[in-house]
């Protein structure tokens, strides 16, 4: 085994339910990409006219990025951790 390869994870117990969740998440990833594009346009316009970044849009973008990362790991089988709404939207800051 190559040092960059991960050992095979066991198959999920309820494979059909896992597959149904995957199908729904694939559709939600496409929706999230659209929302992310809208946020990018809004942030650009905000910066253009207000001459500063909108913190709420930036924070929401960070949430989408986290959700997409957790979702990608679930969809590719790297993790069995389900994304929001099964877990937190974003991990809480512990600083």
Protein backbone atom coordinates (compact mmCIF):
# COMPACT_ATOMS: atom_id res chain seq x y z
CA UNK A 1 0.00 0.00 0.00
CA UNK A 2 1.27 3.44 -0.95
CA UNK A 3 1.86 5.84 1.97
CA UNK A 4 -0.66 8.31 0.47
CA UNK A 5 -3.46 5.74 0.30
CA UNK A 6 -5.97 5.34 3.10
CA UNK A 7 -7.11 1.92 4.26
CA UNK A 8 -10.50 0.94 2.88
CA UNK A 9 -13.38 2.05 5.09
CA UNK A 10 -16.09 -0.47 5.89
CA UNK A 11 -19.29 -0.30 3.88
CA UNK A 12 -22.11 1.71 5.53
CA UNK A 13 -24.64 -0.50 7.34
CA UNK A 14 -27.75 0.96 5.72
CA UNK A 15 -26.39 1.30 2.20
CA UNK A 16 -29.71 2.25 0.54
CA UNK A 17 -30.32 5.04 3.04
CA UNK A 18 -26.71 6.18 2.58
CA UNK A 19 -27.26 6.26 -1.19
CA UNK A 20 -30.50 8.25 -0.84
CA UNK A 21 -28.74 10.79 1.37
CA UNK A 22 -25.93 11.00 -1.19
CA UNK A 23 -28.42 11.70 -3.99
CA UNK A 24 -30.05 14.51 -2.01
CA UNK A 25 -26.66 15.97 -1.09
CA UNK A 26 -25.50 16.00 -4.72
CA UNK A 27 -28.54 18.15 -5.57
CA UNK A 28 -27.86 20.40 -2.57
CA UNK A 29 -24.21 20.84 -3.62
CA UNK A 30 -25.43 22.25 -6.93
CA UNK A 31 -27.78 24.60 -5.08
CA UNK A 32 -24.94 25.64 -2.74
CA UNK A 33 -22.74 26.48 -5.73
CA UNK A 34 -25.48 28.76 -7.06
CA UNK A 35 -25.90 30.43 -3.67
CA UNK A 36 -22.12 30.85 -3.41
CA UNK A 37 -22.07 32.55 -6.81
CA UNK A 38 -24.83 34.93 -5.73
CA UNK A 39 -22.92 35.70 -2.52
CA UNK A 40 -19.77 36.43 -4.52
CA UNK A 41 -21.64 38.89 -6.75
CA UNK A 42 -23.27 40.56 -3.74
CA UNK A 43 -19.93 40.82 -1.93
CA UNK A 44 -18.30 42.34 -5.01
CA UNK A 45 -21.08 44.91 -5.32
CA UNK A 46 -20.89 45.65 -1.59
CA UNK A 47 -17.14 46.23 -1.80
CA UNK A 48 -17.57 48.33 -4.94
CA UNK A 49 -20.11 50.70 -3.42
CA UNK A 50 -19.47 50.54 0.35
CA UNK A 51 -15.66 50.34 -0.04
CA UNK A 52 -15.50 47.54 2.57
CA UNK A 53 -16.30 43.86 2.91
CA UNK A 54 -19.66 42.73 4.27
CA UNK A 55 -18.81 40.58 7.32
CA UNK A 56 -22.14 38.70 7.23
CA UNK A 57 -21.62 37.61 3.63
CA UNK A 58 -18.03 36.57 4.41
CA UNK A 59 -19.16 34.56 7.47
CA UNK A 60 -21.92 32.87 5.43
CA UNK A 61 -19.34 32.05 2.74
CA UNK A 62 -17.16 30.43 5.39
CA UNK A 63 -20.16 28.32 6.42
CA UNK A 64 -20.81 27.23 2.83
CA UNK A 65 -17.13 26.33 2.44
CA UNK A 66 -17.23 24.18 5.59
CA UNK A 67 -20.47 22.51 4.50
CA UNK A 68 -19.09 21.76 1.04
CA UNK A 69 -15.92 20.26 2.54
CA UNK A 70 -17.83 17.96 4.93
CA UNK A 71 -20.26 17.04 2.15
CA UNK A 72 -17.46 16.23 -0.31
CA UNK A 73 -15.83 13.90 2.24
CA UNK A 74 -19.17 12.15 2.82
CA UNK A 75 -19.97 11.85 -0.90
CA UNK A 76 -16.58 10.43 -1.79
CA UNK A 77 -16.67 7.90 1.03
CA UNK A 78 -13.75 9.44 2.92
CA UNK A 79 -16.00 9.95 5.95
CA UNK A 80 -19.34 8.77 7.31
CA UNK A 81 -19.87 12.14 9.03
CA UNK A 82 -23.04 13.60 7.56
CA UNK A 83 -23.08 17.35 6.88
CA UNK A 84 -25.60 19.90 8.15
CA UNK A 85 -28.48 19.38 9.10
CA UNK A 86 -27.15 16.24 10.82
CA UNK A 87 -24.24 18.20 12.34
CA UNK A 88 -23.48 21.83 13.18
CA UNK A 89 -23.46 24.33 10.32
CA UNK A 90 -19.95 25.40 11.34
CA UNK A 91 -17.67 24.32 14.17
CA UNK A 92 -17.74 26.81 17.01
CA UNK A 93 -14.73 29.04 17.53
CA UNK A 94 -12.68 27.96 20.52
CA UNK A 95 -10.18 30.86 20.52
